[in-house]
Structure formats: C-alpha cells, structure tokens
N, C-alpha and C. Protein backbone atom coordinates (compact mmCIF):
# COMPACT_ATOMS: atom_id res chain seq x y z
N UNK A 1 83.35 126.68 93.99
CA UNK A 1 82.77 125.40 93.50
C UNK A 1 81.36 125.55 93.23
N UNK A 2 80.86 124.31 92.57
CA UNK A 2 79.49 124.37 92.15
C UNK A 2 78.54 124.50 93.27
N UNK A 3 78.82 123.93 94.32
CA UNK A 3 77.95 124.09 95.73
C UNK A 3 77.89 125.52 96.18
N UNK A 4 79.05 126.33 96.13
CA UNK A 4 79.11 127.57 96.53
C UNK A 4 78.30 128.42 95.73
N UNK A 5 78.36 128.28 94.23
CA UNK A 5 77.51 129.08 93.58
C UNK A 5 76.05 128.95 93.76
N UNK A 6 75.60 127.86 94.29
CA UNK A 6 74.25 127.60 94.61
C UNK A 6 73.81 128.32 95.95
N UNK A 7 74.72 128.76 96.70
CA UNK A 7 74.27 129.13 98.05
C UNK A 7 73.97 130.80 98.26
N UNK A 8 73.62 131.49 97.11
CA UNK A 8 73.44 132.86 97.09
C UNK A 8 72.23 133.03 96.46
N UNK A 9 71.94 134.17 95.65
CA UNK A 9 70.68 134.60 95.09
C UNK A 9 70.19 133.59 94.15
N UNK A 10 68.92 133.81 93.60
CA UNK A 10 68.21 132.92 92.77
C UNK A 10 69.16 132.66 91.50
N UNK A 11 69.71 134.05 91.04
CA UNK A 11 70.45 133.89 89.84
C UNK A 11 71.73 132.84 89.86
N UNK A 12 72.27 133.06 91.08
CA UNK A 12 73.40 132.09 91.46
C UNK A 12 73.04 130.64 91.28
N UNK A 13 71.93 130.20 91.75
CA UNK A 13 71.44 128.99 91.49
C UNK A 13 71.31 128.63 90.02
N UNK A 14 70.55 129.56 89.37
CA UNK A 14 70.47 129.21 87.84
C UNK A 14 71.83 129.06 87.30
N UNK A 15 72.77 129.80 87.61
CA UNK A 15 74.12 129.85 86.95
C UNK A 15 74.82 128.42 87.40
N UNK A 16 74.61 127.95 88.63
CA UNK A 16 75.13 126.63 89.08
C UNK A 16 74.42 125.49 88.19
N UNK A 17 73.23 125.59 88.03
CA UNK A 17 72.55 124.61 87.22
C UNK A 17 72.96 124.59 85.90
N UNK A 18 73.12 125.82 85.32
CA UNK A 18 73.84 125.96 83.88
C UNK A 18 75.08 125.11 83.66
N UNK A 19 76.03 125.49 84.60
CA UNK A 19 77.32 124.96 84.58
C UNK A 19 77.35 123.48 84.83
N UNK A 20 76.46 122.99 85.79
CA UNK A 20 76.45 121.53 85.89
C UNK A 20 75.95 120.84 84.77
N UNK A 21 74.79 121.57 84.00
CA UNK A 21 74.35 120.81 82.84
C UNK A 21 75.27 120.86 81.76
N UNK A 22 76.03 121.95 81.66
CA UNK A 22 77.02 122.03 80.60
C UNK A 22 78.16 120.91 80.77
N UNK A 23 78.63 120.70 82.18
CA UNK A 23 79.51 119.68 82.38
C UNK A 23 78.88 118.38 82.03
N UNK A 24 77.59 118.12 82.43
CA UNK A 24 77.09 116.80 82.16
C UNK A 24 76.82 116.51 80.74
N UNK A 25 76.76 117.57 79.96
CA UNK A 25 76.62 117.33 78.50
C UNK A 25 77.97 116.91 78.06
N UNK A 26 79.00 117.64 78.44
CA UNK A 26 80.45 117.41 77.92
C UNK A 26 80.76 116.06 78.28
N UNK A 27 80.46 115.62 79.48
CA UNK A 27 80.71 114.28 80.01
C UNK A 27 80.15 113.17 79.43
N UNK A 28 78.89 113.45 78.89
CA UNK A 28 78.11 112.34 78.22
C UNK A 28 78.62 112.13 76.86
N UNK A 29 79.20 113.06 76.31
CA UNK A 29 79.77 113.00 74.92
C UNK A 29 80.98 112.14 74.90
N UNK A 30 81.70 111.89 75.98
CA UNK A 30 82.98 111.27 76.20
C UNK A 30 82.77 109.64 76.07
N UNK A 31 83.68 108.89 75.42
CA UNK A 31 83.59 107.49 75.39
C UNK A 31 84.13 107.02 76.71
N UNK A 32 84.07 105.59 76.89
CA UNK A 32 84.27 105.18 78.33
C UNK A 32 85.88 105.34 78.62
N UNK A 33 86.76 105.28 77.78
CA UNK A 33 88.11 105.43 78.28
C UNK A 33 88.29 106.80 78.66
N UNK A 34 87.76 107.85 77.89
CA UNK A 34 87.89 109.22 78.21
C UNK A 34 87.12 109.60 79.49
N UNK A 35 86.06 108.95 79.79
CA UNK A 35 85.56 109.30 81.08
C UNK A 35 86.37 108.77 82.15
N UNK A 36 87.05 107.54 81.96
CA UNK A 36 87.72 107.07 83.01
C UNK A 36 88.92 108.03 83.28
N UNK A 37 89.48 108.31 82.40
CA UNK A 37 90.85 109.20 82.55
C UNK A 37 90.42 110.63 83.16
N UNK A 38 89.36 111.05 82.73
CA UNK A 38 88.86 112.43 82.99
C UNK A 38 88.53 112.39 84.58
N UNK A 39 87.76 111.43 85.01
CA UNK A 39 87.58 111.34 86.46
C UNK A 39 88.69 111.13 87.21
N UNK A 40 89.65 110.40 86.78
CA UNK A 40 90.87 110.11 87.70
C UNK A 40 91.84 111.17 87.82
N UNK A 41 91.68 112.16 86.67
CA UNK A 41 92.44 113.38 86.88
C UNK A 41 92.02 114.32 88.05
N UNK A 42 90.87 114.00 88.43
CA UNK A 42 90.23 114.85 89.58
C UNK A 42 90.97 114.47 90.79
N UNK A 43 92.01 113.57 90.90
CA UNK A 43 92.70 113.19 92.21
C UNK A 43 93.70 114.25 92.35
N UNK A 44 94.17 115.14 91.29
CA UNK A 44 95.15 115.98 91.27
C UNK A 44 94.75 117.39 91.92
N UNK A 45 95.60 118.15 92.59
CA UNK A 45 95.00 119.36 93.20
C UNK A 45 95.45 120.53 92.10
N UNK A 46 96.49 120.35 91.36
CA UNK A 46 96.82 121.21 90.36
C UNK A 46 97.15 120.70 88.99
N UNK A 47 98.34 121.22 88.56
CA UNK A 47 98.79 120.66 87.28
C UNK A 47 99.78 119.56 87.56
N UNK A 48 99.91 118.65 86.60
CA UNK A 48 100.71 117.42 86.75
C UNK A 48 101.48 117.22 85.49
N UNK A 49 102.42 116.41 85.41
CA UNK A 49 103.22 115.94 84.30
C UNK A 49 102.80 114.68 83.73
N UNK A 50 103.38 114.26 82.59
CA UNK A 50 102.86 113.10 81.89
C UNK A 50 103.32 111.83 82.74
N UNK A 51 104.25 111.89 83.51
CA UNK A 51 104.75 110.71 84.30
C UNK A 51 103.51 110.47 85.45
N UNK A 52 103.06 111.56 85.97
CA UNK A 52 102.00 111.38 86.96
C UNK A 52 100.82 110.93 86.31
N UNK A 53 100.38 111.42 85.30
CA UNK A 53 99.14 110.98 84.44
C UNK A 53 99.19 109.52 84.21
N UNK A 54 100.44 109.01 83.76
CA UNK A 54 100.62 107.50 83.37
C UNK A 54 100.57 106.67 84.70
N UNK A 55 101.24 107.03 85.82
CA UNK A 55 101.30 106.24 87.08
C UNK A 55 100.20 106.54 87.75
N UNK A 56 99.74 107.60 88.18
CA UNK A 56 98.62 107.72 89.22
C UNK A 56 97.25 107.20 88.48
N UNK A 57 97.00 107.80 87.25
CA UNK A 57 95.79 107.54 86.51
C UNK A 57 95.85 106.33 85.76
N UNK A 58 96.98 105.70 85.53
CA UNK A 58 97.19 104.60 84.64
C UNK A 58 96.56 104.95 83.22
N UNK A 59 96.90 106.29 82.89
CA UNK A 59 96.46 106.86 81.65
C UNK A 59 97.06 106.74 80.30
N UNK A 60 96.42 106.69 79.34
CA UNK A 60 96.90 106.44 77.97
C UNK A 60 97.08 107.89 77.36
N UNK A 61 98.07 108.19 76.79
CA UNK A 61 98.60 109.53 76.40
C UNK A 61 97.65 109.90 75.12
N UNK A 62 97.09 109.02 74.36
CA UNK A 62 96.23 109.29 73.21
C UNK A 62 94.94 109.71 73.84
N UNK A 63 94.56 109.11 74.94
CA UNK A 63 93.21 109.59 75.42
C UNK A 63 93.31 110.90 76.25
N UNK A 64 94.60 111.07 76.75
CA UNK A 64 94.72 112.44 77.25
C UNK A 64 94.75 113.41 76.22
N UNK A 65 95.18 113.16 74.95
CA UNK A 65 95.23 114.22 73.95
C UNK A 65 93.74 114.53 73.53
N UNK A 66 93.09 113.43 73.53
CA UNK A 66 91.53 113.64 73.22
C UNK A 66 90.92 114.50 74.14
N UNK A 67 91.11 114.33 75.49
CA UNK A 67 90.56 115.30 76.27
C UNK A 67 91.00 116.64 76.28
N UNK A 68 92.37 116.91 75.78
CA UNK A 68 92.81 118.33 75.59
C UNK A 68 92.19 118.83 74.37
N UNK A 69 91.96 117.92 73.33
CA UNK A 69 91.34 118.47 72.03
C UNK A 69 89.77 118.95 72.49
N UNK A 70 89.12 118.27 73.38
CA UNK A 70 87.73 118.57 73.66
C UNK A 70 87.67 119.73 74.93
N UNK A 71 88.86 120.23 75.12
CA UNK A 71 88.91 121.37 76.11
C UNK A 71 88.52 121.10 77.55
N UNK A 72 88.43 119.83 77.79
CA UNK A 72 88.37 119.41 79.27
C UNK A 72 89.73 119.41 80.06
N UNK A 73 90.73 119.30 79.43
CA UNK A 73 92.07 119.37 80.01
C UNK A 73 92.83 120.55 79.30
N UNK A 74 93.34 121.32 80.22
CA UNK A 74 94.29 122.44 79.82
C UNK A 74 95.66 122.15 79.84
N UNK A 75 96.52 122.53 78.91
CA UNK A 75 98.06 122.49 78.81
C UNK A 75 98.64 123.65 79.01
N UNK A 76 99.58 123.56 79.93
CA UNK A 76 100.53 124.68 80.11
C UNK A 76 101.97 124.26 80.05
N UNK A 77 102.92 125.28 79.65
CA UNK A 77 104.18 124.90 79.69
C UNK A 77 104.99 125.60 80.82
N UNK A 78 105.67 124.72 81.54
CA UNK A 78 106.38 125.34 82.62
C UNK A 78 107.94 124.71 82.61
N UNK A 79 108.86 125.58 82.37
CA UNK A 79 110.24 125.17 82.38
C UNK A 79 110.43 124.26 81.18
N UNK A 80 109.92 124.57 80.01
CA UNK A 80 109.91 123.91 78.81
C UNK A 80 109.24 122.35 78.99
N UNK A 81 108.48 122.27 79.83
CA UNK A 81 107.76 120.95 80.03
C UNK A 81 106.34 121.20 80.08
N UNK A 82 105.68 120.33 79.60
CA UNK A 82 104.17 120.28 79.45
C UNK A 82 103.51 119.91 80.86
N UNK A 83 102.58 120.62 81.22
CA UNK A 83 101.69 120.39 82.44
C UNK A 83 100.13 120.39 82.13
N UNK A 84 99.57 119.38 82.77
CA UNK A 84 98.17 119.14 82.35
C UNK A 84 97.37 119.47 83.74
N UNK A 85 96.17 120.19 83.43
CA UNK A 85 95.40 120.56 84.52
C UNK A 85 93.84 120.50 84.08
N UNK A 86 93.12 120.37 85.06
CA UNK A 86 91.54 120.77 84.97
C UNK A 86 91.36 122.04 85.64
N UNK A 87 90.60 122.92 85.08
CA UNK A 87 90.11 124.13 85.76
C UNK A 87 89.22 123.76 87.03
N UNK A 88 89.38 124.64 88.01
CA UNK A 88 88.81 124.38 89.32
C UNK A 88 87.33 123.79 89.35
N UNK A 89 86.58 124.33 88.60
CA UNK A 89 85.10 123.89 88.43
C UNK A 89 85.04 122.54 87.72
N UNK A 90 85.87 122.36 86.86
CA UNK A 90 85.98 121.11 86.21
C UNK A 90 86.63 119.91 87.05
N UNK A 91 87.68 120.36 88.00
CA UNK A 91 88.25 119.36 88.86
C UNK A 91 87.19 119.01 89.86
N UNK A 92 86.45 119.93 90.35
CA UNK A 92 85.38 119.71 91.32
C UNK A 92 84.41 118.59 90.89
N UNK A 93 84.05 118.89 89.54
CA UNK A 93 83.28 117.75 88.94
C UNK A 93 83.83 116.51 88.65
N UNK A 94 85.12 116.42 88.29
CA UNK A 94 85.82 115.15 87.98
C UNK A 94 85.89 114.46 89.28
N UNK A 95 86.19 115.21 90.39
CA UNK A 95 86.37 114.64 91.63
C UNK A 95 85.07 113.82 92.03
N UNK A 96 83.85 114.59 91.92
CA UNK A 96 82.65 114.06 92.11
C UNK A 96 82.45 112.69 91.41
N UNK A 97 82.78 112.61 90.28
CA UNK A 97 82.61 111.48 89.32
C UNK A 97 83.49 110.33 89.90
N UNK A 98 84.81 110.74 90.39
CA UNK A 98 85.72 109.75 90.87
C UNK A 98 85.19 109.12 92.16
N UNK A 99 84.58 109.93 93.07
CA UNK A 99 83.85 109.31 94.26
C UNK A 99 82.82 108.32 93.85
N UNK A 100 81.92 108.77 92.96
CA UNK A 100 80.77 108.11 92.58
C UNK A 100 81.29 106.72 91.92
N UNK A 101 82.17 106.88 91.32
CA UNK A 101 82.90 105.29 90.77
C UNK A 101 83.52 104.54 91.74
N UNK A 102 83.71 105.19 93.05
CA UNK A 102 84.19 104.28 93.89
C UNK A 102 85.79 104.02 93.70
N UNK A 103 86.33 105.02 93.13
CA UNK A 103 87.81 104.92 92.81
C UNK A 103 88.79 105.96 93.61
N UNK A 104 88.18 106.84 94.38
CA UNK A 104 88.84 108.02 95.03
C UNK A 104 90.00 107.32 95.88
N UNK A 105 89.63 106.55 96.77
CA UNK A 105 90.65 105.95 97.70
C UNK A 105 91.84 105.37 96.97
N UNK A 106 91.50 104.64 95.98
CA UNK A 106 92.74 103.85 95.30
C UNK A 106 93.44 104.89 94.67
N UNK A 107 92.94 105.82 94.04
CA UNK A 107 93.57 106.80 93.09
C UNK A 107 94.53 107.88 94.18
N UNK A 108 94.06 108.14 95.41
CA UNK A 108 94.68 108.79 96.37
C UNK A 108 95.91 108.08 96.81
N UNK A 109 95.66 106.70 97.02
CA UNK A 109 96.94 105.90 97.34
C UNK A 109 97.97 106.00 96.43
N UNK A 110 97.62 106.00 95.07
CA UNK A 110 98.61 105.91 93.92
C UNK A 110 99.21 107.49 93.87
N UNK A 111 98.48 108.50 94.15
CA UNK A 111 98.87 109.59 94.18
C UNK A 111 99.96 109.91 95.23
N UNK A 112 99.79 109.53 96.52
CA UNK A 112 100.64 109.57 97.45
C UNK A 112 101.87 108.94 97.23
N UNK A 113 101.87 107.65 96.51
CA UNK A 113 103.09 106.76 96.43
C UNK A 113 103.93 107.46 95.39
N UNK A 114 103.17 108.07 94.44
CA UNK A 114 103.95 108.80 93.44
C UNK A 114 104.72 109.93 93.83
N UNK A 115 104.14 110.87 94.61
CA UNK A 115 104.81 112.06 95.25
C UNK A 115 105.73 111.68 96.25
N UNK A 116 105.41 110.68 97.09
CA UNK A 116 106.28 110.42 98.09
C UNK A 116 107.69 109.86 97.46
N UNK A 117 107.55 108.98 96.51
CA UNK A 117 108.82 108.62 95.76
C UNK A 117 109.55 109.76 95.18
N UNK A 118 108.85 110.74 94.60
CA UNK A 118 109.62 111.94 94.07
C UNK A 118 110.10 112.67 95.28
N UNK A 119 109.55 112.92 96.33
CA UNK A 119 110.17 113.83 97.43
C UNK A 119 111.36 113.12 97.98
N UNK A 120 111.29 111.71 98.15
CA UNK A 120 112.36 110.99 98.65
C UNK A 120 113.45 110.96 97.88
N UNK A 121 113.41 111.16 96.53
CA UNK A 121 114.49 111.11 95.67
C UNK A 121 115.11 112.43 95.53
N UNK A 122 114.29 113.52 95.58
CA UNK A 122 114.80 114.97 95.08
C UNK A 122 114.94 115.79 96.33
N UNK A 123 114.25 115.51 97.42
CA UNK A 123 114.24 116.27 98.71
C UNK A 123 115.70 116.44 99.20
N UNK A 124 116.52 115.19 99.44
CA UNK A 124 117.88 115.46 99.97
C UNK A 124 118.82 116.15 99.03
N UNK A 125 118.39 116.33 97.72
CA UNK A 125 119.31 117.00 96.68
C UNK A 125 118.80 118.35 96.23
N UNK A 126 118.19 119.05 97.29
CA UNK A 126 117.65 120.40 96.93
C UNK A 126 118.67 121.45 96.45
N UNK A 127 119.88 121.12 96.71
CA UNK A 127 120.97 122.11 96.23
C UNK A 127 121.14 122.14 94.72
N UNK A 128 120.53 121.08 94.20
CA UNK A 128 120.61 120.82 92.58
C UNK A 128 119.44 121.72 92.09
N UNK A 129 119.78 122.60 91.22
CA UNK A 129 118.71 123.61 90.72
C UNK A 129 117.80 122.75 89.94
N UNK A 130 117.91 121.69 89.36
CA UNK A 130 116.90 120.77 88.51
C UNK A 130 116.00 120.22 89.50
N UNK A 131 116.45 119.71 90.74
CA UNK A 131 115.60 119.22 91.70
C UNK A 131 114.69 120.21 92.48
N UNK A 132 115.30 121.48 92.73
CA UNK A 132 114.68 122.61 93.20
C UNK A 132 113.50 122.98 92.33
N UNK A 133 113.78 123.09 90.90
CA UNK A 133 112.68 123.56 90.03
C UNK A 133 111.60 122.39 90.02
N UNK A 134 112.15 121.28 90.06
CA UNK A 134 110.83 119.99 89.97
C UNK A 134 109.98 120.14 91.13
N UNK A 135 110.64 120.22 92.24
CA UNK A 135 109.88 120.19 93.43
C UNK A 135 108.98 121.40 93.63
N UNK A 136 109.44 122.69 93.18
CA UNK A 136 108.64 123.78 93.07
C UNK A 136 107.45 123.68 92.11
N UNK A 137 107.67 123.02 91.02
CA UNK A 137 106.37 122.77 90.08
C UNK A 137 105.51 121.86 90.91
N UNK A 138 105.80 120.97 91.54
CA UNK A 138 104.88 119.89 92.15
C UNK A 138 104.39 120.35 93.63
N UNK A 139 104.65 121.64 93.93
CA UNK A 139 104.38 122.02 95.35
C UNK A 139 102.95 121.85 95.67
N UNK A 140 102.04 121.96 94.81
CA UNK A 140 100.51 121.84 95.18
C UNK A 140 100.26 120.44 95.31
N UNK A 141 100.95 119.51 94.40
CA UNK A 141 100.53 118.09 94.62
C UNK A 141 101.26 117.43 95.86
N UNK A 142 102.42 118.09 96.30
CA UNK A 142 103.09 117.53 97.50
C UNK A 142 102.14 117.86 98.70
N UNK A 143 101.59 119.21 98.79
CA UNK A 143 100.75 119.58 99.80
C UNK A 143 99.57 118.66 99.80
N UNK A 144 99.03 118.34 98.57
CA UNK A 144 97.75 117.48 98.64
C UNK A 144 98.00 116.18 99.02
N UNK A 145 99.05 115.53 98.76
CA UNK A 145 99.58 114.36 99.16
C UNK A 145 99.74 114.16 100.57
N UNK A 146 100.44 115.32 101.35
CA UNK A 146 100.41 115.45 102.74
C UNK A 146 99.11 115.46 103.44
N UNK A 147 98.29 116.21 102.82
CA UNK A 147 96.88 116.25 103.38
C UNK A 147 96.11 115.02 103.43
N UNK A 148 96.12 114.16 102.25
CA UNK A 148 95.49 113.03 102.23
C UNK A 148 96.13 111.92 103.12
N UNK A 149 97.41 111.98 103.05
CA UNK A 149 98.18 111.08 103.92
C UNK A 149 97.84 111.28 105.53
N UNK A 150 97.73 112.42 105.86
CA UNK A 150 97.43 112.74 107.33
C UNK A 150 95.85 112.24 107.59
N UNK A 151 95.15 112.28 106.59
CA UNK A 151 93.87 111.66 106.73
C UNK A 151 93.81 110.12 106.75
N UNK A 152 94.62 109.51 105.97
CA UNK A 152 94.29 108.08 105.80
C UNK A 152 95.80 107.11 105.96
N UNK A 153 96.95 107.80 105.82
CA UNK A 153 98.20 106.83 105.79
C UNK A 153 99.34 107.64 106.59
N UNK A 154 99.18 107.51 107.82
CA UNK A 154 100.01 108.33 108.69
C UNK A 154 101.57 108.11 108.56
N UNK A 155 101.91 106.88 108.24
CA UNK A 155 103.46 106.54 108.04
C UNK A 155 103.86 107.13 106.80
N UNK A 156 102.97 107.23 105.76
CA UNK A 156 103.40 107.93 104.66
C UNK A 156 103.51 109.27 104.71
N UNK A 157 102.62 109.93 105.72
CA UNK A 157 102.68 111.43 106.02
C UNK A 157 103.85 111.90 106.65
N UNK A 158 104.34 110.90 107.58
CA UNK A 158 105.74 111.31 108.17
C UNK A 158 106.73 111.05 107.27
N UNK A 159 106.84 110.01 106.42
CA UNK A 159 108.00 109.98 105.44
C UNK A 159 108.14 111.20 104.62
N UNK A 160 106.83 111.60 103.94
CA UNK A 160 106.79 112.69 103.08
C UNK A 160 107.13 114.00 103.67
N UNK A 161 106.55 114.23 105.00
CA UNK A 161 106.89 115.62 105.80
C UNK A 161 108.62 115.57 105.94
N UNK A 162 109.06 114.37 106.27
CA UNK A 162 110.60 114.28 106.56
C UNK A 162 111.42 114.50 105.31
N UNK A 163 110.85 113.98 104.10
CA UNK A 163 111.69 114.17 103.01
C UNK A 163 111.76 115.67 102.52
N UNK A 164 110.79 116.54 102.88
CA UNK A 164 110.45 117.76 102.32
C UNK A 164 110.88 118.98 103.22
N UNK A 165 111.52 118.63 104.36
CA UNK A 165 111.88 119.85 105.28
C UNK A 165 112.89 120.79 104.73
N UNK A 166 113.83 120.18 103.77
CA UNK A 166 114.95 120.86 103.17
C UNK A 166 114.15 121.69 102.15
N UNK A 167 113.18 121.31 101.47
CA UNK A 167 112.57 122.02 100.46
C UNK A 167 111.84 123.20 101.06
N UNK A 168 111.18 123.03 102.16
CA UNK A 168 110.57 124.16 102.85
C UNK A 168 111.62 125.03 103.29
N UNK A 169 112.57 124.73 103.81
CA UNK A 169 113.65 125.47 104.24
C UNK A 169 114.23 126.30 103.19
N UNK A 170 114.62 125.67 101.98
CA UNK A 170 115.17 126.34 100.93
C UNK A 170 114.41 127.61 100.33
N UNK A 171 112.91 127.27 100.50
CA UNK A 171 111.90 128.26 99.88
C UNK A 171 111.71 129.38 100.98
N UNK A 172 112.15 129.19 102.12
CA UNK A 172 111.93 130.18 103.12
C UNK A 172 110.47 129.96 103.76
N UNK A 173 109.88 128.93 103.54
CA UNK A 173 108.30 128.48 104.05
C UNK A 173 108.55 127.60 105.23
N UNK A 174 109.33 128.25 106.25
CA UNK A 174 109.84 127.33 107.33
C UNK A 174 108.48 127.09 108.30
N UNK A 175 107.59 128.06 108.46
CA UNK A 175 106.44 128.08 109.03
C UNK A 175 105.45 126.97 108.69
N UNK A 176 105.31 126.89 107.41
CA UNK A 176 104.44 125.78 106.69
C UNK A 176 105.30 124.60 106.99
N UNK A 177 106.44 124.51 106.68
CA UNK A 177 107.13 123.03 106.86
C UNK A 177 107.08 122.58 108.21
N UNK A 178 107.27 123.50 109.24
CA UNK A 178 107.14 123.16 110.59
C UNK A 178 105.70 122.56 110.86
N UNK A 179 104.83 123.21 110.26
CA UNK A 179 103.26 122.65 110.70
C UNK A 179 103.02 121.39 109.93
N UNK A 180 103.52 121.18 108.87
CA UNK A 180 103.45 119.80 108.16
C UNK A 180 104.10 118.64 109.15
N UNK A 181 105.31 119.03 109.57
CA UNK A 181 106.12 118.11 110.34
C UNK A 181 105.39 118.00 111.67
N UNK A 182 104.89 118.73 112.25
CA UNK A 182 104.18 118.78 113.53
C UNK A 182 103.10 117.88 113.31
N UNK A 183 102.24 118.16 112.34
CA UNK A 183 101.13 117.22 112.24
C UNK A 183 101.44 115.90 111.84
N UNK A 184 102.32 115.56 111.13
CA UNK A 184 102.82 114.27 110.83
C UNK A 184 103.48 113.44 111.90
N UNK A 185 104.13 114.10 112.77
CA UNK A 185 104.74 113.72 114.04
C UNK A 185 103.59 113.22 114.96
N UNK A 186 102.61 114.18 115.09
CA UNK A 186 101.51 114.03 115.98
C UNK A 186 100.56 112.71 115.58
N UNK A 187 100.65 112.43 114.24
CA UNK A 187 99.74 111.48 113.73
C UNK A 187 100.55 110.00 113.80
N UNK A 188 101.75 110.12 113.88
CA UNK A 188 102.57 108.84 113.91
C UNK A 188 103.53 108.93 114.98
N UNK A 189 103.33 108.85 116.35
CA UNK A 189 104.17 108.96 117.40
C UNK A 189 105.15 107.99 117.76
N UNK A 190 105.00 106.72 117.05
CA UNK A 190 105.85 105.51 117.34
C UNK A 190 107.28 105.79 117.05
N UNK A 191 108.29 105.44 117.72
CA UNK A 191 109.60 105.61 117.37
C UNK A 191 110.02 105.00 116.15
N UNK A 192 110.65 105.59 115.22
CA UNK A 192 111.01 104.93 113.87
C UNK A 192 112.04 105.91 113.23
N UNK A 193 112.83 105.32 112.25
CA UNK A 193 113.69 106.11 111.49
C UNK A 193 113.04 107.32 110.92
N UNK A 194 111.93 107.01 110.30
CA UNK A 194 111.26 108.31 109.59
C UNK A 194 110.93 109.42 110.60
N UNK A 195 110.66 109.02 111.84
CA UNK A 195 110.21 109.86 113.02
C UNK A 195 111.49 110.66 113.20
N UNK A 196 112.65 109.96 113.50
CA UNK A 196 113.92 110.70 113.72
C UNK A 196 114.29 111.75 112.68
N UNK A 197 114.04 111.25 111.30
CA UNK A 197 114.23 112.20 110.18
C UNK A 197 113.37 113.54 110.34
N UNK A 198 112.01 113.27 110.63
CA UNK A 198 111.10 114.37 110.65
C UNK A 198 111.59 115.24 111.90
N UNK A 199 111.93 114.67 112.95
CA UNK A 199 112.33 115.44 114.20
C UNK A 199 113.65 116.25 113.94
N UNK A 200 114.43 115.81 113.19
CA UNK A 200 115.60 116.38 112.75
C UNK A 200 115.37 117.62 111.88
N UNK A 201 114.67 117.43 110.87
CA UNK A 201 114.02 118.52 110.07
C UNK A 201 113.37 119.59 110.99
N UNK A 202 112.55 119.17 111.79
CA UNK A 202 111.76 120.14 112.59
C UNK A 202 112.68 120.99 113.42
N UNK A 203 113.79 120.28 114.03
CA UNK A 203 114.81 121.14 114.86
C UNK A 203 115.63 122.03 114.01
N UNK A 204 115.94 121.73 112.74
CA UNK A 204 116.61 122.57 111.76
C UNK A 204 115.79 123.83 111.70
N UNK A 205 114.49 123.59 111.21
CA UNK A 205 113.50 124.67 110.96
C UNK A 205 113.36 125.53 112.17
N UNK A 206 113.29 124.93 113.43
CA UNK A 206 113.16 125.71 114.62
C UNK A 206 114.50 126.65 114.86
N UNK A 207 115.63 126.17 114.48
CA UNK A 207 116.87 126.87 114.64
C UNK A 207 116.83 128.03 113.71
N UNK A 208 116.49 127.74 112.46
CA UNK A 208 116.41 128.93 111.52
C UNK A 208 115.51 130.10 111.97
N UNK A 209 114.40 129.65 112.70
CA UNK A 209 113.66 130.81 113.12
C UNK A 209 113.77 131.22 114.60
N UNK A 210 115.14 130.88 115.08
CA UNK A 210 115.61 131.26 116.44
C UNK A 210 114.86 130.75 117.48
N UNK A 211 114.12 129.61 117.31
CA UNK A 211 113.32 129.01 118.33
C UNK A 211 114.41 127.85 119.12
N UNK A 212 115.41 128.29 119.76
CA UNK A 212 116.45 127.45 120.36
C UNK A 212 115.95 126.47 121.11
N UNK A 213 115.13 126.75 121.96
CA UNK A 213 114.59 125.66 122.87
C UNK A 213 113.90 124.47 122.39
N UNK A 214 113.02 124.95 121.29
CA UNK A 214 112.35 123.84 120.72
C UNK A 214 113.41 123.10 119.75
N UNK A 215 114.51 123.71 119.11
CA UNK A 215 115.34 123.21 118.42
C UNK A 215 116.10 121.98 119.21
N UNK A 216 116.39 122.36 120.42
CA UNK A 216 117.19 121.51 121.42
C UNK A 216 116.35 120.24 121.77
N UNK A 217 115.05 120.49 121.96
CA UNK A 217 114.23 119.47 122.57
C UNK A 217 114.06 118.44 121.31
N UNK A 218 113.60 119.06 120.08
CA UNK A 218 113.42 117.94 119.07
C UNK A 218 114.72 117.27 118.58
N UNK A 219 115.82 117.85 118.65
CA UNK A 219 117.12 117.21 118.34
C UNK A 219 117.49 116.13 119.50
N UNK A 220 117.15 116.33 120.57
CA UNK A 220 117.31 115.32 121.79
C UNK A 220 116.47 114.10 121.42
N UNK A 221 115.11 114.42 121.08
CA UNK A 221 114.26 113.26 120.85
C UNK A 221 114.61 112.44 119.59
N UNK A 222 115.09 113.26 118.77
CA UNK A 222 115.64 112.58 117.38
C UNK A 222 116.66 111.52 117.58
N UNK A 223 117.58 112.02 118.50
CA UNK A 223 118.81 111.17 119.02
C UNK A 223 118.19 109.93 119.62
C-alpha cells in the first residue's frame, strides 16, 4: 500500500509521493459521476461482476466503461464472464476517497447484503457446478463480507458463515470455514435458527477433520 512504500528509504518516500501525485492527477480529471463510482468500487476486496457494481455501488454501466477506458478499472474474463477490479494501490486510494466522502459504512452494508443474498441462494446448492463456480469466483468478496460483518453486523456474519459451510467443505478449506463459523458464533451467542445452522455446519466440518468430540458437542447445541 502507499503507506508501506513510505516506511523505508528516502527513495521509497519519493516513489510513494510520485504514485500518490499520479493518482491525484488521474482522479482530478474525472467528472463527478466517475469520481463517485470510482470511490465506491473501493468497497470491494477483489474483482466483481456487473450485478455487484449495479447493486452495491448503484453504478451506471456507461460510467463504468469510462473508468475502464481511462485505465482506472481493469477488466478480466473468468468463465466467459467479465469481472471488474481495481489494482491494489488504486483500490487503497479509492477506499481512502470512500472514507473521506463518508460513504464507507453505507457501502459496506450494501456489500454485505449483496453477498449474503448470494451465499444463501447458492450455498445450499453447492453440488450444482454453476453454483460452485460462481461462489469460487466470489471467494474474496465473501471473505471480505464476513470480515466487515464480524466488525459491524454480527447477525449478518452468523447467517453468512452458516450459508457458506458447505462451500468451505466442498473446497477442502475446512479449517478456514471452521474459523469463520467460530468467530461468527462467538459474536452472536443468542439462540436462533441462524445459530443452529452455523453450529450444524461446524459439527460437519469437525467430523470431516475427525474431531469427533467437537462434532458431538456442536451437534447437541444445535439441537
């Protein structure tokens, strides 16, 4: 990130100042609609699809095309679908603009809502190859949604972790999945249907890793 570049030799500070000045210059050339969408794209952790740009950022596709033409947004193709992303340093800059504009919290709420809906729709259908591929493409955003939910919206974190345990199991990422579930369960300890689902998922992941005692304990609590 730009702050890391500044923390070394004097030449590193010069490089950081040059990069910041270049980004400032590019940002100043944007019109108001372009600046708005640019900073809102900073809410993503990686690449996103058009549906996410439209819902999370309330973005206009023509404006998105203008940012692509100006090389601020990169387009990639994954499974014959276009994905849009900001390079890491550019994302860091955009996220700073988002915080300065006072929009970060609102955009993170929309980001969580979008990916929670996706997880609850596709998580239970992980045996469907299309669902598996879609969730794999969105793995970075699902992790980021979990991260922000654990910080600000515990019930959403519990629902999201509970919706994704089959995804982590299918990928073989059972340790990671168990960690998300544990964190979400600790953040939202009240009895609920979402908690029961998360406990059930944790019990299955524990069973898959031969932690039988834990699988029994979490299953009992789920019941």
